């Protein structure tokens, strides 16, 4: 039985680059050496909101928050399409807390899978084993107080709104078959106001802020912070206290 020694939360707006950061960190902790030293340009290499089917990879468990949207099988497809998926009420926080409790106590979970075309969970469940490091990633990863308390390091990925909307348009139009008009309407009616009301305020919970998503320097700093925190935990040394609401480190280039 493996009991995780480190738990990382990655939050930020839609299209900010959270999934890319999560994958880069996972690759680094797994010893991969495939990163490139560059910013992700608008519309390029955009992997946001595309949860991995597999939750565990070696020493790292990746838990996408998007897999924990509430399941609403009693609603029609038209009714499910009207749900505000950027509001905290769209997520099954109770199930996520239960699963995190199990992972952090060394027990496996059956992680749900979500279908964005039907706005419902699939019948598939992925067995996720607890590993040395657990990474939670999603727009509201730093929203729920109980979940935040379980995190050893809290990361907020901050990217300009114009870059984020371009990435979202590319994903929703080209990869999910939605109309440009529909994507823009959704962004203005729910995504933007929900970001301002619920997502952006969680930045105050972050220990580490990375502007513009993943690049080698930012990821290396993050990996160093994780390694230092894990060493403190495993060695029993006390962590340095920081003022409440003050990031431990903010990267900017």
C-alpha atoms as a PDB file:
ATOM      1  CA  UNK A   1       0.000   0.000   0.000  1.00  0.00           C
ATOM      2  CA  UNK A   2       1.343   3.422  -1.031  1.00  0.00           C
ATOM      3  CA  UNK A   3       0.366   6.462   0.998  1.00  0.00           C
ATOM      4  CA  UNK A   4       1.060   9.657  -1.020  1.00  0.00           C
ATOM      5  CA  UNK A   5       3.791  11.857   0.399  1.00  0.00           C
ATOM      6  CA  UNK A   6       2.828  14.907  -1.671  1.00  0.00           C
ATOM      7  CA  UNK A   7      -0.445  16.302  -3.074  1.00  0.00           C
ATOM      8  CA  UNK A   8      -0.468  19.101  -5.669  1.00  0.00           C
ATOM      9  CA  UNK A   9      -3.471  21.165  -6.803  1.00  0.00           C
ATOM     10  CA  UNK A  10      -3.405  23.058 -10.129  1.00  0.00           C
ATOM     11  CA  UNK A  11      -6.129  25.669 -10.779  1.00  0.00           C
ATOM     12  CA  UNK A  12      -6.690  28.465 -13.295  1.00  0.00           C
ATOM     13  CA  UNK A  13      -9.108  29.626 -15.975  1.00  0.00           C
ATOM     14  CA  UNK A  14     -10.234  27.654 -18.986  1.00  0.00           C
ATOM     15  CA  UNK A  15      -7.451  27.544 -21.572  1.00  0.00           C
ATOM     16  CA  UNK A  16      -4.820  28.696 -19.081  1.00  0.00           C
ATOM     17  CA  UNK A  17      -2.664  25.619 -19.630  1.00  0.00           C
ATOM     18  CA  UNK A  18      -3.410  23.644 -16.465  1.00  0.00           C
ATOM     19  CA  UNK A  19      -3.467  20.235 -18.125  1.00  0.00           C
ATOM     20  CA  UNK A  20      -0.202  20.962 -19.918  1.00  0.00           C
ATOM     21  CA  UNK A  21       1.442  21.979 -16.634  1.00  0.00           C
ATOM     22  CA  UNK A  22       0.108  18.835 -14.946  1.00  0.00           C
ATOM     23  CA  UNK A  23       1.507  16.613 -17.708  1.00  0.00           C
ATOM     24  CA  UNK A  24       4.858  18.404 -17.744  1.00  0.00           C
ATOM     25  CA  UNK A  25       5.191  18.060 -13.972  1.00  0.00           C
ATOM     26  CA  UNK A  26       4.212  14.394 -14.196  1.00  0.00           C
ATOM     27  CA  UNK A  27       6.774  13.809 -16.938  1.00  0.00           C
ATOM     28  CA  UNK A  28       9.462  15.547 -14.891  1.00  0.00           C
ATOM     29  CA  UNK A  29       8.719  13.572 -11.752  1.00  0.00           C
ATOM     30  CA  UNK A  30       8.719  10.379 -13.819  1.00  0.00           C
ATOM     31  CA  UNK A  31      12.176  11.258 -15.154  1.00  0.00           C
ATOM     32  CA  UNK A  32      11.046  12.037 -18.705  1.00  0.00           C
ATOM     33  CA  UNK A  33      13.158  14.445 -20.742  1.00  0.00           C
ATOM     34  CA  UNK A  34      10.870  15.519 -23.548  1.00  0.00           C
ATOM     35  CA  UNK A  35      10.056  19.119 -22.641  1.00  0.00           C
ATOM     36  CA  UNK A  36      10.851  22.114 -24.807  1.00  0.00           C
ATOM     37  CA  UNK A  37      11.747  25.578 -23.539  1.00  0.00           C
ATOM     38  CA  UNK A  38       8.934  27.650 -24.973  1.00  0.00           C
ATOM     39  CA  UNK A  39       5.598  29.233 -24.244  1.00  0.00           C
ATOM     40  CA  UNK A  40       2.488  27.578 -25.651  1.00  0.00           C
ATOM     41  CA  UNK A  41       1.157  29.976 -28.260  1.00  0.00           C
ATOM     42  CA  UNK A  42      -2.591  30.672 -28.631  1.00  0.00           C
ATOM     43  CA  UNK A  43      -4.181  27.643 -30.269  1.00  0.00           C
ATOM     44  CA  UNK A  44      -0.935  25.654 -30.248  1.00  0.00           C
ATOM     45  CA  UNK A  45      -0.410  22.512 -28.207  1.00  0.00           C
ATOM     46  CA  UNK A  46      -3.636  23.168 -26.313  1.00  0.00           C
ATOM     47  CA  UNK A  47      -4.522  20.256 -24.075  1.00  0.00           C
ATOM     48  CA  UNK A  48      -6.777  22.031 -21.599  1.00  0.00           C
ATOM     49  CA  UNK A  49      -9.892  20.272 -20.337  1.00  0.00           C
ATOM     50  CA  UNK A  50      -8.965  16.958 -21.970  1.00  0.00           C
ATOM     51  CA  UNK A  51      -8.691  14.599 -19.004  1.00  0.00           C
ATOM     52  CA  UNK A  52      -6.403  11.617 -19.236  1.00  0.00           C
ATOM     53  CA  UNK A  53      -8.173   8.274 -19.394  1.00  0.00           C
ATOM     54  CA  UNK A  54      -5.557   6.817 -17.071  1.00  0.00           C
ATOM     55  CA  UNK A  55      -5.199   8.340 -13.638  1.00  0.00           C
ATOM     56  CA  UNK A  56      -1.920   6.743 -12.562  1.00  0.00           C
ATOM     57  CA  UNK A  57       1.476   6.752 -14.215  1.00  0.00           C
ATOM     58  CA  UNK A  58       4.377   5.362 -12.233  1.00  0.00           C
ATOM     59  CA  UNK A  59       4.989   7.530  -9.182  1.00  0.00           C
ATOM     60  CA  UNK A  60       2.315  10.131 -10.040  1.00  0.00           C
ATOM     61  CA  UNK A  61      -1.494   9.990  -9.935  1.00  0.00           C
ATOM     62  CA  UNK A  62      -3.273  12.594 -12.110  1.00  0.00           C
ATOM     63  CA  UNK A  63      -6.857  13.400 -11.069  1.00  0.00           C
ATOM     64  CA  UNK A  64      -8.655  15.728 -13.551  1.00  0.00           C
ATOM     65  CA  UNK A  65     -11.435  17.682 -11.848  1.00  0.00           C
ATOM     66  CA  UNK A  66     -13.443  17.482 -15.094  1.00  0.00           C
ATOM     67  CA  UNK A  67     -14.063  13.795 -14.407  1.00  0.00           C
ATOM     68  CA  UNK A  68     -16.075  14.860 -11.366  1.00  0.00           C
ATOM     69  CA  UNK A  69     -18.867  16.787 -13.028  1.00  0.00           C
ATOM     70  CA  UNK A  70     -22.224  15.861 -11.487  1.00  0.00           C
ATOM     71  CA  UNK A  71     -24.008  13.113 -13.388  1.00  0.00           C
ATOM     72  CA  UNK A  72     -27.542  14.173 -14.413  1.00  0.00           C
ATOM     73  CA  UNK A  73     -29.038  11.135 -16.190  1.00  0.00           C
ATOM     74  CA  UNK A  74     -32.586  12.263 -15.303  1.00  0.00           C
ATOM     75  CA  UNK A  75     -32.218  15.303 -17.598  1.00  0.00           C
ATOM     76  CA  UNK A  76     -32.563  15.363 -21.367  1.00  0.00           C
ATOM     77  CA  UNK A  77     -29.569  16.283 -23.520  1.00  0.00           C
ATOM     78  CA  UNK A  78     -31.094  19.706 -24.190  1.00  0.00           C
ATOM     79  CA  UNK A  79     -31.516  20.263 -20.446  1.00  0.00           C
ATOM     80  CA  UNK A  80     -27.958  19.136 -19.725  1.00  0.00           C
ATOM     81  CA  UNK A  81     -26.668  21.532 -22.375  1.00  0.00           C
ATOM     82  CA  UNK A  82     -28.245  24.404 -20.424  1.00  0.00           C
ATOM     83  CA  UNK A  83     -26.294  23.628 -17.229  1.00  0.00           C
ATOM     84  CA  UNK A  84     -23.652  26.153 -16.214  1.00  0.00           C
ATOM     85  CA  UNK A  85     -20.573  23.905 -16.132  1.00  0.00           C
ATOM     86  CA  UNK A  86     -18.322  26.711 -14.913  1.00  0.00           C
ATOM     87  CA  UNK A  87     -20.248  27.096 -11.652  1.00  0.00           C
ATOM     88  CA  UNK A  88     -19.054  25.218  -8.543  1.00  0.00           C
ATOM     89  CA  UNK A  89     -22.463  23.515  -8.271  1.00  0.00           C
ATOM     90  CA  UNK A  90     -21.711  21.598 -11.478  1.00  0.00           C
ATOM     91  CA  UNK A  91     -19.159  19.422  -9.665  1.00  0.00           C
ATOM     92  CA  UNK A  92     -19.652  16.380  -7.442  1.00  0.00           C
ATOM     93  CA  UNK A  93     -17.562  17.640  -4.526  1.00  0.00           C
ATOM     94  CA  UNK A  94     -18.786  14.932  -2.176  1.00  0.00           C
ATOM     95  CA  UNK A  95     -17.477  12.162  -4.447  1.00  0.00           C
ATOM     96  CA  UNK A  96     -14.181  14.002  -5.003  1.00  0.00           C
ATOM     97  CA  UNK A  97     -13.645  14.408  -1.251  1.00  0.00           C
ATOM     98  CA  UNK A  98     -14.419  10.732  -0.720  1.00  0.00           C
ATOM     99  CA  UNK A  99     -11.956   9.698  -3.430  1.00  0.00           C
ATOM    100  CA  UNK A 100      -9.224  11.973  -2.101  1.00  0.00           C
ATOM    101  CA  UNK A 101      -9.723  10.602   1.382  1.00  0.00           C
ATOM    102  CA  UNK A 102      -9.256   7.096  -0.007  1.00  0.00           C
ATOM    103  CA  UNK A 103      -6.181   7.967  -2.074  1.00  0.00           C
ATOM    104  CA  UNK A 104      -4.501   9.780   0.805  1.00  0.00           C
ATOM    105  CA  UNK A 105      -5.110   6.808   3.081  1.00  0.00           C
ATOM    106  CA  UNK A 106      -3.477   4.471   0.558  1.00  0.00           C
ATOM    107  CA  UNK A 107      -6.629   2.997  -0.998  1.00  0.00           C
ATOM    108  CA  UNK A 108      -7.457   2.782  -4.733  1.00  0.00           C
ATOM    109  CA  UNK A 109     -10.473   4.512  -6.281  1.00  0.00           C
ATOM    110  CA  UNK A 110     -12.735   3.905  -9.268  1.00  0.00           C
ATOM    111  CA  UNK A 111     -12.510   7.279 -11.036  1.00  0.00           C
ATOM    112  CA  UNK A 112     -15.522   8.240 -13.203  1.00  0.00           C
ATOM    113  CA  UNK A 113     -15.082   9.199 -16.843  1.00  0.00           C
ATOM    114  CA  UNK A 114     -16.984  12.064 -18.448  1.00  0.00           C
ATOM    115  CA  UNK A 115     -18.365  12.466 -21.991  1.00  0.00           C
ATOM    116  CA  UNK A 116     -18.395  16.145 -23.037  1.00  0.00           C
ATOM    117  CA  UNK A 117     -20.600  15.491 -26.075  1.00  0.00           C
ATOM    118  CA  UNK A 118     -23.464  14.018 -24.038  1.00  0.00           C
ATOM    119  CA  UNK A 119     -22.659  15.983 -20.857  1.00  0.00           C
ATOM    120  CA  UNK A 120     -22.834  12.833 -18.776  1.00  0.00           C
ATOM    121  CA  UNK A 121     -20.642  10.182 -17.222  1.00  0.00           C
ATOM    122  CA  UNK A 122     -19.813   7.152 -19.280  1.00  0.00           C
ATOM    123  CA  UNK A 123     -20.310   3.643 -17.943  1.00  0.00           C
ATOM    124  CA  UNK A 124     -16.523   3.310 -17.687  1.00  0.00           C
ATOM    125  CA  UNK A 125     -14.591   3.641 -14.453  1.00  0.00           C
ATOM    126  CA  UNK A 126     -10.802   3.771 -14.257  1.00  0.00           C
ATOM    127  CA  UNK A 127      -9.120   2.114 -11.302  1.00  0.00           C
ATOM    128  CA  UNK A 128      -6.612   4.578  -9.856  1.00  0.00           C
ATOM    129  CA  UNK A 129      -3.984   3.358  -7.428  1.00  0.00           C
ATOM    130  CA  UNK A 130      -2.494   5.756  -4.862  1.00  0.00           C
ATOM    131  CA  UNK A 131       1.059   6.771  -5.743  1.00  0.00           C
ATOM    132  CA  UNK A 132       3.812   8.835  -4.152  1.00  0.00           C
ATOM    133  CA  UNK A 133       2.509  12.072  -5.709  1.00  0.00           C
ATOM    134  CA  UNK A 134      -1.132  12.991  -6.433  1.00  0.00           C
ATOM    135  CA  UNK A 135      -1.985  15.879  -8.800  1.00  0.00           C
ATOM    136  CA  UNK A 136      -5.485  17.426  -8.885  1.00  0.00           C
ATOM    137  CA  UNK A 137      -6.076  19.695 -11.878  1.00  0.00           C
ATOM    138  CA  UNK A 138      -9.091  21.791 -12.904  1.00  0.00           C
ATOM    139  CA  UNK A 139     -10.559  25.282 -13.064  1.00  0.00           C
ATOM    140  CA  UNK A 140     -11.816  25.074  -9.467  1.00  0.00           C
ATOM    141  CA  UNK A 141      -9.161  22.823  -7.963  1.00  0.00           C
ATOM    142  CA  UNK A 142      -8.620  25.448  -5.238  1.00  0.00           C
ATOM    143  CA  UNK A 143     -12.296  26.203  -4.594  1.00  0.00           C
ATOM    144  CA  UNK A 144     -13.449  23.583  -2.093  1.00  0.00           C
ATOM    145  CA  UNK A 145     -12.101  24.223   1.404  1.00  0.00           C
ATOM    146  CA  UNK A 146     -11.911  20.549   2.363  1.00  0.00           C
ATOM    147  CA  UNK A 147      -9.974  19.698  -0.802  1.00  0.00           C
ATOM    148  CA  UNK A 148      -7.649  22.698  -0.413  1.00  0.00           C
ATOM    149  CA  UNK A 149      -6.801  21.520   3.106  1.00  0.00           C
ATOM    150  CA  UNK A 150      -5.636  18.184   1.652  1.00  0.00           C
ATOM    151  CA  UNK A 151      -3.136  19.833  -0.715  1.00  0.00           C
ATOM    152  CA  UNK A 152       0.546  20.218   0.127  1.00  0.00           C
ATOM    153  CA  UNK A 153       1.184  22.725  -2.684  1.00  0.00           C
ATOM    154  CA  UNK A 154      -1.397  24.916  -4.440  1.00  0.00           C
ATOM    155  CA  UNK A 155      -0.662  26.188  -7.944  1.00  0.00           C
ATOM    156  CA  UNK A 156      -2.560  28.776  -9.981  1.00  0.00           C
ATOM    157  CA  UNK A 157      -1.870  29.071 -13.727  1.00  0.00           C
ATOM    158  CA  UNK A 158      -2.578  32.622 -14.877  1.00  0.00           C
ATOM    159  CA  UNK A 159      -2.979  33.375 -18.587  1.00  0.00           C
ATOM    160  CA  UNK A 160      -4.421  36.423 -20.390  1.00  0.00           C
ATOM    161  CA  UNK A 161      -8.127  36.191 -21.204  1.00  0.00           C
ATOM    162  CA  UNK A 162      -7.624  36.721 -24.948  1.00  0.00           C
ATOM    163  CA  UNK A 163      -5.230  33.772 -25.103  1.00  0.00           C
ATOM    164  CA  UNK A 164      -7.576  31.583 -23.104  1.00  0.00           C
ATOM    165  CA  UNK A 165     -10.623  32.308 -25.293  1.00  0.00           C
ATOM    166  CA  UNK A 166      -8.629  31.592 -28.467  1.00  0.00           C
ATOM    167  CA  UNK A 167      -7.599  28.226 -27.047  1.00  0.00           C
ATOM    168  CA  UNK A 168     -11.163  27.439 -25.998  1.00  0.00           C
ATOM    169  CA  UNK A 169     -12.516  28.327 -29.451  1.00  0.00           C
ATOM    170  CA  UNK A 170      -9.937  26.068 -31.085  1.00  0.00           C
ATOM    171  CA  UNK A 171     -10.827  23.163 -28.813  1.00  0.00           C
ATOM    172  CA  UNK A 172     -14.619  23.500 -28.887  1.00  0.00           C
ATOM    173  CA  UNK A 173     -14.970  24.270 -32.600  1.00  0.00           C
ATOM    174  CA  UNK A 174     -12.312  21.982 -34.071  1.00  0.00           C
ATOM    175  CA  UNK A 175     -12.332  19.119 -31.588  1.00  0.00           C
ATOM    176  CA  UNK A 176     -15.858  19.086 -30.152  1.00  0.00           C
ATOM    177  CA  UNK A 177     -17.789  20.169 -33.247  1.00  0.00           C
ATOM    178  CA  UNK A 178     -19.464  23.193 -31.681  1.00  0.00           C
ATOM    179  CA  UNK A 179     -20.365  26.351 -33.581  1.00  0.00           C
ATOM    180  CA  UNK A 180     -18.235  29.466 -33.232  1.00  0.00           C
ATOM    181  CA  UNK A 181     -21.338  31.488 -32.329  1.00  0.00           C
ATOM    182  CA  UNK A 182     -22.268  28.990 -29.615  1.00  0.00           C
ATOM    183  CA  UNK A 183     -18.774  28.990 -28.118  1.00  0.00           C
ATOM    184  CA  UNK A 184     -18.631  32.799 -28.001  1.00  0.00           C
ATOM    185  CA  UNK A 185     -22.128  33.001 -26.499  1.00  0.00           C
ATOM    186  CA  UNK A 186     -21.213  30.463 -23.802  1.00  0.00           C
ATOM    187  CA  UNK A 187     -17.989  32.296 -23.019  1.00  0.00           C
ATOM    188  CA  UNK A 188     -19.730  35.647 -22.552  1.00  0.00           C
ATOM    189  CA  UNK A 189     -22.764  34.296 -20.687  1.00  0.00           C
ATOM    190  CA  UNK A 190     -21.158  31.799 -18.291  1.00  0.00           C
ATOM    191  CA  UNK A 191     -17.421  31.174 -18.698  1.00  0.00           C
ATOM    192  CA  UNK A 192     -16.225  34.775 -18.286  1.00  0.00           C
ATOM    193  CA  UNK A 193     -18.535  35.757 -15.392  1.00  0.00           C
ATOM    194  CA  UNK A 194     -17.905  32.456 -13.570  1.00  0.00           C
ATOM    195  CA  UNK A 195     -14.160  32.918 -13.996  1.00  0.00           C
ATOM    196  CA  UNK A 196     -14.362  36.377 -12.450  1.00  0.00           C
ATOM    197  CA  UNK A 197     -16.711  35.289  -9.645  1.00  0.00           C
ATOM    198  CA  UNK A 198     -15.319  31.872  -8.684  1.00  0.00           C
ATOM    199  CA  UNK A 199     -12.101  30.874 -10.464  1.00  0.00           C
ATOM    200  CA  UNK A 200      -9.896  33.969 -10.278  1.00  0.00           C
ATOM    201  CA  UNK A 201     -10.558  34.524  -6.538  1.00  0.00           C
ATOM    202  CA  UNK A 202      -8.978  31.124  -5.812  1.00  0.00           C
ATOM    203  CA  UNK A 203      -5.630  32.622  -6.779  1.00  0.00           C
ATOM    204  CA  UNK A 204      -5.378  33.850  -3.179  1.00  0.00           C
ATOM    205  CA  UNK A 205      -5.202  30.192  -2.098  1.00  0.00           C
ATOM    206  CA  UNK A 206      -2.147  29.550  -4.288  1.00  0.00           C
ATOM    207  CA  UNK A 207       1.368  29.051  -2.980  1.00  0.00           C
ATOM    208  CA  UNK A 208       2.807  29.278  -6.491  1.00  0.00           C
ATOM    209  CA  UNK A 209       1.595  31.367  -9.452  1.00  0.00           C
ATOM    210  CA  UNK A 210       2.801  30.632 -12.995  1.00  0.00           C
ATOM    211  CA  UNK A 211       1.802  33.147 -15.699  1.00  0.00           C
ATOM    212  CA  UNK A 212       1.166  31.894 -19.239  1.00  0.00           C
ATOM    213  CA  UNK A 213       1.262  28.161 -18.575  1.00  0.00           C
ATOM    214  CA  UNK A 214       4.090  25.695 -19.030  1.00  0.00           C
ATOM    215  CA  UNK A 215       7.719  26.271 -19.987  1.00  0.00           C
ATOM    216  CA  UNK A 216      10.902  24.624 -18.812  1.00  0.00           C
ATOM    217  CA  UNK A 217      11.919  27.306 -16.308  1.00  0.00           C
ATOM    218  CA  UNK A 218       8.507  27.368 -14.625  1.00  0.00           C
ATOM    219  CA  UNK A 219       8.248  23.573 -14.501  1.00  0.00           C
ATOM    220  CA  UNK A 220      11.775  23.241 -13.112  1.00  0.00           C
ATOM    221  CA  UNK A 221      10.914  25.725 -10.353  1.00  0.00           C
ATOM    222  CA  UNK A 222       7.748  23.791  -9.574  1.00  0.00           C
ATOM    223  CA  UNK A 223       9.568  20.452  -9.478  1.00  0.00           C
ATOM    224  CA  UNK A 224      12.168  21.959  -7.142  1.00  0.00           C
ATOM    225  CA  UNK A 225       9.422  23.248  -4.841  1.00  0.00           C
ATOM    226  CA  UNK A 226       7.770  19.796  -4.814  1.00  0.00           C
ATOM    227  CA  UNK A 227      11.084  18.067  -4.129  1.00  0.00           C
ATOM    228  CA  UNK A 228      11.882  20.436  -1.246  1.00  0.00           C
ATOM    229  CA  UNK A 229       8.438  19.996   0.289  1.00  0.00           C
ATOM    230  CA  UNK A 230       8.614  16.209  -0.061  1.00  0.00           C
ATOM    231  CA  UNK A 231      12.059  16.184   1.571  1.00  0.00           C
ATOM    232  CA  UNK A 232      10.682  18.188   4.495  1.00  0.00           C
ATOM    233  CA  UNK A 233       7.758  15.802   4.905  1.00  0.00           C
ATOM    234  CA  UNK A 234       9.772  12.609   4.572  1.00  0.00           C
ATOM    235  CA  UNK A 235      12.557  13.968   6.776  1.00  0.00           C
ATOM    236  CA  UNK A 236      10.216  15.432   9.344  1.00  0.00           C
ATOM    237  CA  UNK A 237      11.681  18.932   9.081  1.00  0.00           C
ATOM    238  CA  UNK A 238       9.214  21.780   9.706  1.00  0.00           C
ATOM    239  CA  UNK A 239       8.006  23.739   6.697  1.00  0.00           C
ATOM    240  CA  UNK A 240       8.670  27.480   6.511  1.00  0.00           C
ATOM    241  CA  UNK A 241       5.646  29.532   7.443  1.00  0.00           C
ATOM    242  CA  UNK A 242       4.363  32.056   4.902  1.00  0.00           C
ATOM    243  CA  UNK A 243       1.959  34.914   5.466  1.00  0.00           C
ATOM    244  CA  UNK A 244      -1.647  33.887   4.758  1.00  0.00           C
ATOM    245  CA  UNK A 245      -2.645  34.587   1.168  1.00  0.00           C
ATOM    246  CA  UNK A 246       0.945  35.245   0.058  1.00  0.00           C
ATOM    247  CA  UNK A 247       2.347  32.997  -2.722  1.00  0.00           C
ATOM    248  CA  UNK A 248       5.548  31.190  -1.767  1.00  0.00           C
ATOM    249  CA  UNK A 249       6.908  31.901  -5.222  1.00  0.00           C
ATOM    250  CA  UNK A 250       5.643  33.727  -8.283  1.00  0.00           C
ATOM    251  CA  UNK A 251       7.372  32.993 -11.569  1.00  0.00           C
ATOM    252  CA  UNK A 252       7.502  35.592 -14.315  1.00  0.00           C
ATOM    253  CA  UNK A 253       9.772  35.804 -17.327  1.00  0.00           C
END
